[in-house]
Amino acid sequence: MAKKIYVGNMNYDTTEDELRAAFAEYGEVASVSIITDRYTGRAKGFAFVEMSSEEEAAQAIAGLNNQELGGRLLKVNEAYDKPRRRSY
């Protein structure tokens, strides 16, 4: 089962291909999604990477957390679902 990973503190110029290459060292990358500002289209400095298995995701988190990519130390951990807002 695929596992989603949060990647924070990214350089704003980091590309999906660079992220994919970094995570591919730890297993099969199912998807990469760099989050962008809806108005400017610029990267917000974080992304989500989906690995094909939980074991590969754990290895990627252990191997890439606090590692440099694009001149910045990445913050890599398991992604959690955002709680839904309650409408009143």
PDB file of N, CA and C in Angstrom:
ATOM      1  N   MET A   1       0.833  -1.172   0.000  1.00  0.00           N
ATOM      2  CA  MET A   1       0.000   0.000   0.000  1.00  0.00           C
ATOM      3  C   MET A   1       0.887   1.247   0.000  1.00  0.00           C
ATOM      4  N   ALA A   2       0.512   2.236  -0.775  1.00  0.00           N
ATOM      5  CA  ALA A   2       1.297   3.460  -0.906  1.00  0.00           C
ATOM      6  C   ALA A   2       1.247   4.272   0.384  1.00  0.00           C
ATOM      7  N   LYS A   3       2.331   5.002   0.645  1.00  0.00           N
ATOM      8  CA  LYS A   3       2.438   5.820   1.846  1.00  0.00           C
ATOM      9  C   LYS A   3       2.845   7.229   1.458  1.00  0.00           C
ATOM     10  N   LYS A   4       2.119   8.225   1.972  1.00  0.00           N
ATOM     11  CA  LYS A   4       2.372   9.621   1.636  1.00  0.00           C
ATOM     12  C   LYS A   4       3.328  10.244   2.647  1.00  0.00           C
ATOM     13  N   ILE A   5       4.287  11.026   2.136  1.00  0.00           N
ATOM     14  CA  ILE A   5       5.316  11.670   2.943  1.00  0.00           C
ATOM     15  C   ILE A   5       5.242  13.177   2.745  1.00  0.00           C
ATOM     16  N   TYR A   6       5.378  13.919   3.847  1.00  0.00           N
ATOM     17  CA  TYR A   6       5.439  15.380   3.802  1.00  0.00           C
ATOM     18  C   TYR A   6       6.911  15.788   3.704  1.00  0.00           C
ATOM     19  N   VAL A   7       7.206  16.723   2.797  1.00  0.00           N
ATOM     20  CA  VAL A   7       8.561  17.247   2.631  1.00  0.00           C
ATOM     21  C   VAL A   7       8.488  18.758   2.801  1.00  0.00           C
ATOM     22  N   GLY A   8       9.094  19.274   3.861  1.00  0.00           N
ATOM     23  CA  GLY A   8       9.045  20.703   4.137  1.00  0.00           C
ATOM     24  C   GLY A   8      10.412  21.354   4.085  1.00  0.00           C
ATOM     25  N   ASN A   9      10.429  22.681   4.211  1.00  0.00           N
ATOM     26  CA  ASN A   9      11.629  23.508   4.197  1.00  0.00           C
ATOM     27  C   ASN A   9      12.398  23.367   2.886  1.00  0.00           C
ATOM     28  N   MET A  10      11.658  23.210   1.800  1.00  0.00           N
ATOM     29  CA  MET A  10      12.284  23.051   0.484  1.00  0.00           C
ATOM     30  C   MET A  10      12.699  24.390  -0.100  1.00  0.00           C
ATOM     31  N   ASN A  11      13.724  24.351  -0.926  1.00  0.00           N
ATOM     32  CA  ASN A  11      14.089  25.505  -1.739  1.00  0.00           C
ATOM     33  C   ASN A  11      12.932  25.731  -2.706  1.00  0.00           C
ATOM     34  N   TYR A  12      12.546  26.991  -2.915  1.00  0.00           N
ATOM     35  CA  TYR A  12      11.404  27.292  -3.779  1.00  0.00           C
ATOM     36  C   TYR A  12      11.641  26.916  -5.240  1.00  0.00           C
ATOM     37  N   ASP A  13      12.897  26.704  -5.618  1.00  0.00           N
ATOM     38  CA  ASP A  13      13.230  26.352  -6.997  1.00  0.00           C
ATOM     39  C   ASP A  13      13.362  24.843  -7.217  1.00  0.00           C
ATOM     40  N   THR A  14      13.143  24.044  -6.189  1.00  0.00           N
ATOM     41  CA  THR A  14      13.240  22.589  -6.327  1.00  0.00           C
ATOM     42  C   THR A  14      12.164  22.088  -7.282  1.00  0.00           C
ATOM     43  N   THR A  15      12.557  21.194  -8.187  1.00  0.00           N
ATOM     44  CA  THR A  15      11.619  20.658  -9.173  1.00  0.00           C
ATOM     45  C   THR A  15      11.119  19.280  -8.752  1.00  0.00           C
ATOM     46  N   GLU A  16      10.032  18.856  -9.397  1.00  0.00           N
ATOM     47  CA  GLU A  16       9.501  17.513  -9.134  1.00  0.00           C
ATOM     48  C   GLU A  16      10.525  16.449  -9.507  1.00  0.00           C
ATOM     49  N   ASP A  17      11.269  16.672 -10.596  1.00  0.00           N
ATOM     50  CA  ASP A  17      12.283  15.700 -11.012  1.00  0.00           C
ATOM     51  C   ASP A  17      13.392  15.561  -9.970  1.00  0.00           C
ATOM     52  N   GLU A  18      13.810  16.663  -9.357  1.00  0.00           N
ATOM     53  CA  GLU A  18      14.849  16.606  -8.314  1.00  0.00           C
ATOM     54  C   GLU A  18      14.351  15.831  -7.098  1.00  0.00           C
ATOM     55  N   LEU A  19      13.118  16.094  -6.698  1.00  0.00           N
ATOM     56  CA  LEU A  19      12.539  15.364  -5.565  1.00  0.00           C
ATOM     57  C   LEU A  19      12.396  13.884  -5.882  1.00  0.00           C
ATOM     58  N   ARG A  20      11.890  13.599  -7.069  1.00  0.00           N
ATOM     59  CA  ARG A  20      11.715  12.202  -7.484  1.00  0.00           C
ATOM     60  C   ARG A  20      13.054  11.460  -7.455  1.00  0.00           C
ATOM     61  N   ALA A  21      14.111  12.095  -7.945  1.00  0.00           N
ATOM     62  CA  ALA A  21      15.437  11.470  -7.969  1.00  0.00           C
ATOM     63  C   ALA A  21      15.947  11.213  -6.551  1.00  0.00           C
ATOM     64  N   ALA A  22      15.744  12.164  -5.645  1.00  0.00           N
ATOM     65  CA  ALA A  22      16.207  11.998  -4.266  1.00  0.00           C
ATOM     66  C   ALA A  22      15.475  10.843  -3.579  1.00  0.00           C
ATOM     67  N   PHE A  23      14.170  10.770  -3.763  1.00  0.00           N
ATOM     68  CA  PHE A  23      13.381   9.723  -3.107  1.00  0.00           C
ATOM     69  C   PHE A  23      13.526   8.367  -3.799  1.00  0.00           C
ATOM     70  N   ALA A  24      13.850   8.355  -5.079  1.00  0.00           N
ATOM     71  CA  ALA A  24      13.989   7.097  -5.828  1.00  0.00           C
ATOM     72  C   ALA A  24      15.132   6.241  -5.299  1.00  0.00           C
ATOM     73  N   GLU A  25      16.067   6.851  -4.596  1.00  0.00           N
ATOM     74  CA  GLU A  25      17.171   6.076  -3.999  1.00  0.00           C
ATOM     75  C   GLU A  25      16.661   5.123  -2.921  1.00  0.00           C
ATOM     76  N   TYR A  26      15.455   5.365  -2.412  1.00  0.00           N
ATOM     77  CA  TYR A  26      14.907   4.562  -1.326  1.00  0.00           C
ATOM     78  C   TYR A  26      13.766   3.653  -1.762  1.00  0.00           C
ATOM     79  N   GLY A  27      13.411   3.692  -3.039  1.00  0.00           N
ATOM     80  CA  GLY A  27      12.353   2.823  -3.536  1.00  0.00           C
ATOM     81  C   GLY A  27      11.573   3.473  -4.659  1.00  0.00           C
ATOM     82  N   GLU A  28      10.464   2.847  -5.012  1.00  0.00           N
ATOM     83  CA  GLU A  28       9.626   3.327  -6.114  1.00  0.00           C
ATOM     84  C   GLU A  28       8.771   4.510  -5.672  1.00  0.00           C
ATOM     85  N   VAL A  29       8.884   5.605  -6.423  1.00  0.00           N
ATOM     86  CA  VAL A  29       8.108   6.810  -6.145  1.00  0.00           C
ATOM     87  C   VAL A  29       6.831   6.762  -6.971  1.00  0.00           C
ATOM     88  N   ALA A  30       5.686   6.743  -6.291  1.00  0.00           N
ATOM     89  CA  ALA A  30       4.401   6.674  -6.985  1.00  0.00           C
ATOM     90  C   ALA A  30       3.987   8.039  -7.528  1.00  0.00           C
ATOM     91  N   SER A  31       4.215   9.108  -6.735  1.00  0.00           N
ATOM     92  CA  SER A  31       3.851  10.449  -7.190  1.00  0.00           C
ATOM     93  C   SER A  31       4.618  11.504  -6.409  1.00  0.00           C
ATOM     94  N   VAL A  32       4.750  12.685  -7.032  1.00  0.00           N
ATOM     95  CA  VAL A  32       5.373  13.852  -6.407  1.00  0.00           C
ATOM     96  C   VAL A  32       4.460  15.035  -6.678  1.00  0.00           C
ATOM     97  N   SER A  33       4.148  15.788  -5.626  1.00  0.00           N
ATOM     98  CA  SER A  33       3.279  16.943  -5.787  1.00  0.00           C
ATOM     99  C   SER A  33       3.839  18.124  -4.996  1.00  0.00           C
ATOM    100  N   ILE A  34       4.404  19.106  -5.712  1.00  0.00           N
ATOM    101  CA  ILE A  34       4.896  20.322  -5.074  1.00  0.00           C
ATOM    102  C   ILE A  34       3.714  21.278  -4.950  1.00  0.00           C
ATOM    103  N   ILE A  35       3.488  21.784  -3.759  1.00  0.00           N
ATOM    104  CA  ILE A  35       2.351  22.655  -3.496  1.00  0.00           C
ATOM    105  C   ILE A  35       2.694  24.083  -3.915  1.00  0.00           C
ATOM    106  N   THR A  36       1.794  24.686  -4.701  1.00  0.00           N
ATOM    107  CA  THR A  36       2.020  26.036  -5.219  1.00  0.00           C
ATOM    108  C   THR A  36       0.926  26.981  -4.750  1.00  0.00           C
ATOM    109  N   ASP A  37       1.257  28.253  -4.745  1.00  0.00           N
ATOM    110  CA  ASP A  37       0.303  29.302  -4.403  1.00  0.00           C
ATOM    111  C   ASP A  37      -0.715  29.414  -5.531  1.00  0.00           C
ATOM    112  N   ARG A  38      -1.980  29.448  -5.207  1.00  0.00           N
ATOM    113  CA  ARG A  38      -3.010  29.454  -6.254  1.00  0.00           C
ATOM    114  C   ARG A  38      -3.043  30.748  -7.054  1.00  0.00           C
ATOM    115  N   TYR A  39      -2.546  31.842  -6.484  1.00  0.00           N
ATOM    116  CA  TYR A  39      -2.594  33.129  -7.185  1.00  0.00           C
ATOM    117  C   TYR A  39      -1.332  33.413  -7.996  1.00  0.00           C
ATOM    118  N   THR A  40      -0.169  33.080  -7.431  1.00  0.00           N
ATOM    119  CA  THR A  40       1.084  33.398  -8.121  1.00  0.00           C
ATOM    120  C   THR A  40       1.659  32.208  -8.876  1.00  0.00           C
ATOM    121  N   GLY A  41       1.285  30.993  -8.486  1.00  0.00           N
ATOM    122  CA  GLY A  41       1.834  29.805  -9.127  1.00  0.00           C
ATOM    123  C   GLY A  41       3.211  29.424  -8.604  1.00  0.00           C
ATOM    124  N   ARG A  42       3.757  30.194  -7.663  1.00  0.00           N
ATOM    125  CA  ARG A  42       5.071  29.900  -7.084  1.00  0.00           C
ATOM    126  C   ARG A  42       4.953  28.788  -6.056  1.00  0.00           C
ATOM    127  N   ALA A  43       6.023  28.014  -5.926  1.00  0.00           N
ATOM    128  CA  ALA A  43       6.069  26.955  -4.920  1.00  0.00           C
ATOM    129  C   ALA A  43       5.993  27.556  -3.529  1.00  0.00           C
ATOM    130  N   LYS A  44       5.346  26.833  -2.615  1.00  0.00           N
ATOM    131  CA  LYS A  44       5.204  27.300  -1.237  1.00  0.00           C
ATOM    132  C   LYS A  44       6.297  26.760  -0.324  1.00  0.00           C
ATOM    133  N   GLY A  45       7.173  25.910  -0.840  1.00  0.00           N
ATOM    134  CA  GLY A  45       8.270  25.402  -0.027  1.00  0.00           C
ATOM    135  C   GLY A  45       8.003  24.058   0.613  1.00  0.00           C
ATOM    136  N   PHE A  46       6.924  23.393   0.198  1.00  0.00           N
ATOM    137  CA  PHE A  46       6.686  22.041   0.694  1.00  0.00           C
ATOM    138  C   PHE A  46       6.024  21.195  -0.383  1.00  0.00           C
ATOM    139  N   ALA A  47       6.090  19.878  -0.172  1.00  0.00           N
ATOM    140  CA  ALA A  47       5.574  18.944  -1.169  1.00  0.00           C
ATOM    141  C   ALA A  47       5.110  17.669  -0.481  1.00  0.00           C
ATOM    142  N   PHE A  48       4.456  16.836  -1.270  1.00  0.00           N
ATOM    143  CA  PHE A  48       4.070  15.504  -0.818  1.00  0.00           C
ATOM    144  C   PHE A  48       4.619  14.497  -1.820  1.00  0.00           C
ATOM    145  N   VAL A  49       5.241  13.451  -1.285  1.00  0.00           N
ATOM    146  CA  VAL A  49       5.789  12.377  -2.111  1.00  0.00           C
ATOM    147  C   VAL A  49       5.112  11.097  -1.671  1.00  0.00           C
ATOM    148  N   GLU A  50       4.657  10.318  -2.629  1.00  0.00           N
ATOM    149  CA  GLU A  50       4.005   9.055  -2.311  1.00  0.00           C
ATOM    150  C   GLU A  50       4.923   7.917  -2.738  1.00  0.00           C
ATOM    151  N   MET A  51       5.296   7.089  -1.766  1.00  0.00           N
ATOM    152  CA  MET A  51       6.133   5.924  -2.027  1.00  0.00           C
ATOM    153  C   MET A  51       5.232   4.702  -2.175  1.00  0.00           C
ATOM    154  N   SER A  52       5.703   3.692  -2.907  1.00  0.00           N
ATOM    155  CA  SER A  52       4.849   2.546  -3.210  1.00  0.00           C
ATOM    156  C   SER A  52       4.630   1.602  -2.023  1.00  0.00           C
ATOM    157  N   SER A  53       5.480   1.674  -0.988  1.00  0.00           N
ATOM    158  CA  SER A  53       5.258   0.825   0.182  1.00  0.00           C
ATOM    159  C   SER A  53       5.625   1.561   1.465  1.00  0.00           C
ATOM    160  N   GLU A  54       5.124   1.076   2.580  1.00  0.00           N
ATOM    161  CA  GLU A  54       5.409   1.692   3.872  1.00  0.00           C
ATOM    162  C   GLU A  54       6.874   1.532   4.245  1.00  0.00           C
ATOM    163  N   GLU A  55       7.484   0.395   3.883  1.00  0.00           N
ATOM    164  CA  GLU A  55       8.892   0.161   4.196  1.00  0.00           C
ATOM    165  C   GLU A  55       9.784   1.159   3.459  1.00  0.00           C
ATOM    166  N   GLU A  56       9.484   1.380   2.171  1.00  0.00           N
ATOM    167  CA  GLU A  56      10.259   2.340   1.386  1.00  0.00           C
ATOM    168  C   GLU A  56      10.069   3.752   1.934  1.00  0.00           C
ATOM    169  N   ALA A  57       8.850   4.076   2.353  1.00  0.00           N
ATOM    170  CA  ALA A  57       8.578   5.396   2.917  1.00  0.00           C
ATOM    171  C   ALA A  57       9.376   5.593   4.200  1.00  0.00           C
ATOM    172  N   ALA A  58       9.419   4.591   5.065  1.00  0.00           N
ATOM    173  CA  ALA A  58      10.169   4.690   6.320  1.00  0.00           C
ATOM    174  C   ALA A  58      11.661   4.884   6.040  1.00  0.00           C
ATOM    175  N   GLN A  59      12.188   4.179   5.048  1.00  0.00           N
ATOM    176  CA  GLN A  59      13.596   4.329   4.685  1.00  0.00           C
ATOM    177  C   GLN A  59      13.876   5.724   4.138  1.00  0.00           C
ATOM    178  N   ALA A  60      12.970   6.248   3.320  1.00  0.00           N
ATOM    179  CA  ALA A  60      13.136   7.586   2.748  1.00  0.00           C
ATOM    180  C   ALA A  60      13.084   8.646   3.845  1.00  0.00           C
ATOM    181  N   ILE A  61      12.168   8.499   4.790  1.00  0.00           N
ATOM    182  CA  ILE A  61      12.066   9.458   5.892  1.00  0.00           C
ATOM    183  C   ILE A  61      13.357   9.449   6.708  1.00  0.00           C
ATOM    184  N   ALA A  62      13.829   8.253   7.053  1.00  0.00           N
ATOM    185  CA  ALA A  62      15.056   8.138   7.843  1.00  0.00           C
ATOM    186  C   ALA A  62      16.269   8.670   7.074  1.00  0.00           C
ATOM    187  N   GLY A  63      16.306   8.420   5.776  1.00  0.00           N
ATOM    188  CA  GLY A  63      17.466   8.813   4.983  1.00  0.00           C
ATOM    189  C   GLY A  63      17.497  10.270   4.566  1.00  0.00           C
ATOM    190  N   LEU A  64      16.337  10.901   4.420  1.00  0.00           N
ATOM    191  CA  LEU A  64      16.308  12.268   3.878  1.00  0.00           C
ATOM    192  C   LEU A  64      15.980  13.360   4.895  1.00  0.00           C
ATOM    193  N   ASN A  65      15.460  13.005   6.056  1.00  0.00           N
ATOM    194  CA  ASN A  65      15.148  14.029   7.055  1.00  0.00           C
ATOM    195  C   ASN A  65      16.444  14.718   7.497  1.00  0.00           C
ATOM    196  N   ASN A  66      16.437  16.044   7.498  1.00  0.00           N
ATOM    197  CA  ASN A  66      17.585  16.879   7.856  1.00  0.00           C
ATOM    198  C   ASN A  66      18.754  16.749   6.886  1.00  0.00           C
ATOM    199  N   GLN A  67      18.478  16.307   5.660  1.00  0.00           N
ATOM    200  CA  GLN A  67      19.498  16.261   4.616  1.00  0.00           C
ATOM    201  C   GLN A  67      19.333  17.464   3.703  1.00  0.00           C
ATOM    202  N   GLU A  68      20.429  17.917   3.118  1.00  0.00           N
ATOM    203  CA  GLU A  68      20.396  19.106   2.268  1.00  0.00           C
ATOM    204  C   GLU A  68      19.959  18.767   0.844  1.00  0.00           C
ATOM    205  N   LEU A  69      19.073  19.596   0.325  1.00  0.00           N
ATOM    206  CA  LEU A  69      18.663  19.535  -1.081  1.00  0.00           C
ATOM    207  C   LEU A  69      18.416  20.970  -1.524  1.00  0.00           C
ATOM    208  N   GLY A  70      19.159  21.410  -2.507  1.00  0.00           N
ATOM    209  CA  GLY A  70      18.999  22.774  -3.001  1.00  0.00           C
ATOM    210  C   GLY A  70      19.406  23.830  -1.991  1.00  0.00           C
ATOM    211  N   GLY A  71      20.369  23.501  -1.128  1.00  0.00           N
ATOM    212  CA  GLY A  71      20.860  24.471  -0.161  1.00  0.00           C
ATOM    213  C   GLY A  71      20.035  24.594   1.108  1.00  0.00           C
ATOM    214  N   ARG A  72      19.020  23.742   1.292  1.00  0.00           N
ATOM    215  CA  ARG A  72      18.175  23.798   2.496  1.00  0.00           C
ATOM    216  C   ARG A  72      18.084  22.410   3.116  1.00  0.00           C
ATOM    217  N   LEU A  73      17.966  22.375   4.442  1.00  0.00           N
ATOM    218  CA  LEU A  73      17.791  21.110   5.147  1.00  0.00           C
ATOM    219  C   LEU A  73      16.324  20.717   5.113  1.00  0.00           C
ATOM    220  N   LEU A  74      16.040  19.581   4.494  1.00  0.00           N
ATOM    221  CA  LEU A  74      14.660  19.124   4.364  1.00  0.00           C
ATOM    222  C   LEU A  74      14.104  18.631   5.692  1.00  0.00           C
ATOM    223  N   LYS A  75      12.823  18.842   5.886  1.00  0.00           N
ATOM    224  CA  LYS A  75      12.075  18.254   6.996  1.00  0.00           C
ATOM    225  C   LYS A  75      11.158  17.212   6.362  1.00  0.00           C
ATOM    226  N   VAL A  76      11.432  15.950   6.640  1.00  0.00           N
ATOM    227  CA  VAL A  76      10.709  14.851   5.988  1.00  0.00           C
ATOM    228  C   VAL A  76      10.056  13.989   7.065  1.00  0.00           C
ATOM    229  N   ASN A  77       8.730  13.819   6.960  1.00  0.00           N
ATOM    230  CA  ASN A  77       8.029  12.941   7.893  1.00  0.00           C
ATOM    231  C   ASN A  77       6.753  12.421   7.258  1.00  0.00           C
ATOM    232  N   GLU A  78       6.090  11.538   7.988  1.00  0.00           N
ATOM    233  CA  GLU A  78       4.845  10.953   7.491  1.00  0.00           C
ATOM    234  C   GLU A  78       3.781  12.040   7.356  1.00  0.00           C
ATOM    235  N   ALA A  79       3.051  12.010   6.263  1.00  0.00           N
ATOM    236  CA  ALA A  79       1.972  12.983   6.047  1.00  0.00           C
ATOM    237  C   ALA A  79       0.707  12.477   6.730  1.00  0.00           C
ATOM    238  N   TYR A  80      -0.020  13.412   7.314  1.00  0.00           N
ATOM    239  CA  TYR A  80      -1.287  13.081   7.957  1.00  0.00           C
ATOM    240  C   TYR A  80      -2.404  13.795   7.229  1.00  0.00           C
ATOM    241  N   ASP A  81      -3.582  13.198   7.206  1.00  0.00           N
ATOM    242  CA  ASP A  81      -4.730  13.835   6.582  1.00  0.00           C
ATOM    243  C   ASP A  81      -5.087  15.101   7.346  1.00  0.00           C
ATOM    244  N   LYS A  82      -5.373  16.132   6.593  1.00  0.00           N
ATOM    245  CA  LYS A  82      -5.776  17.404   7.191  1.00  0.00           C
ATOM    246  C   LYS A  82      -7.186  17.248   7.755  1.00  0.00           C
ATOM    247  N   PRO A  83      -7.394  17.674   9.001  1.00  0.00           N
ATOM    248  CA  PRO A  83      -8.755  17.564   9.557  1.00  0.00           C
ATOM    249  C   PRO A  83      -9.727  18.453   8.788  1.00  0.00           C
ATOM    250  N   ARG A  84     -10.892  17.946   8.572  1.00  0.00           N
ATOM    251  CA  ARG A  84     -11.923  18.714   7.862  1.00  0.00           C
ATOM    252  C   ARG A  84     -12.449  19.820   8.754  1.00  0.00           C
ATOM    253  N   ARG A  85     -12.718  20.948   8.121  1.00  0.00           N
ATOM    254  CA  ARG A  85     -13.327  22.057   8.857  1.00  0.00           C
ATOM    255  C   ARG A  85     -14.791  21.762   9.079  1.00  0.00           C
ATOM    256  N   ARG A  86     -15.246  22.137  10.209  1.00  0.00           N
ATOM    257  CA  ARG A  86     -16.660  21.964  10.508  1.00  0.00           C
ATOM    258  C   ARG A  86     -17.388  23.202  10.042  1.00  0.00           C
ATOM    259  N   SER A  87     -18.483  23.024   9.341  1.00  0.00           N
ATOM    260  CA  SER A  87     -19.281  24.167   8.918  1.00  0.00           C
ATOM    261  C   SER A  87     -20.403  24.385   9.933  1.00  0.00           C
ATOM    262  N   TYR A  88     -20.532  25.605  10.338  1.00  0.00           N
ATOM    263  CA  TYR A  88     -21.542  25.935  11.357  1.00  0.00           C
ATOM    264  C   TYR A  88     -22.697  26.632  10.754  1.00  0.00           C
TER     265      TYR A  88
END
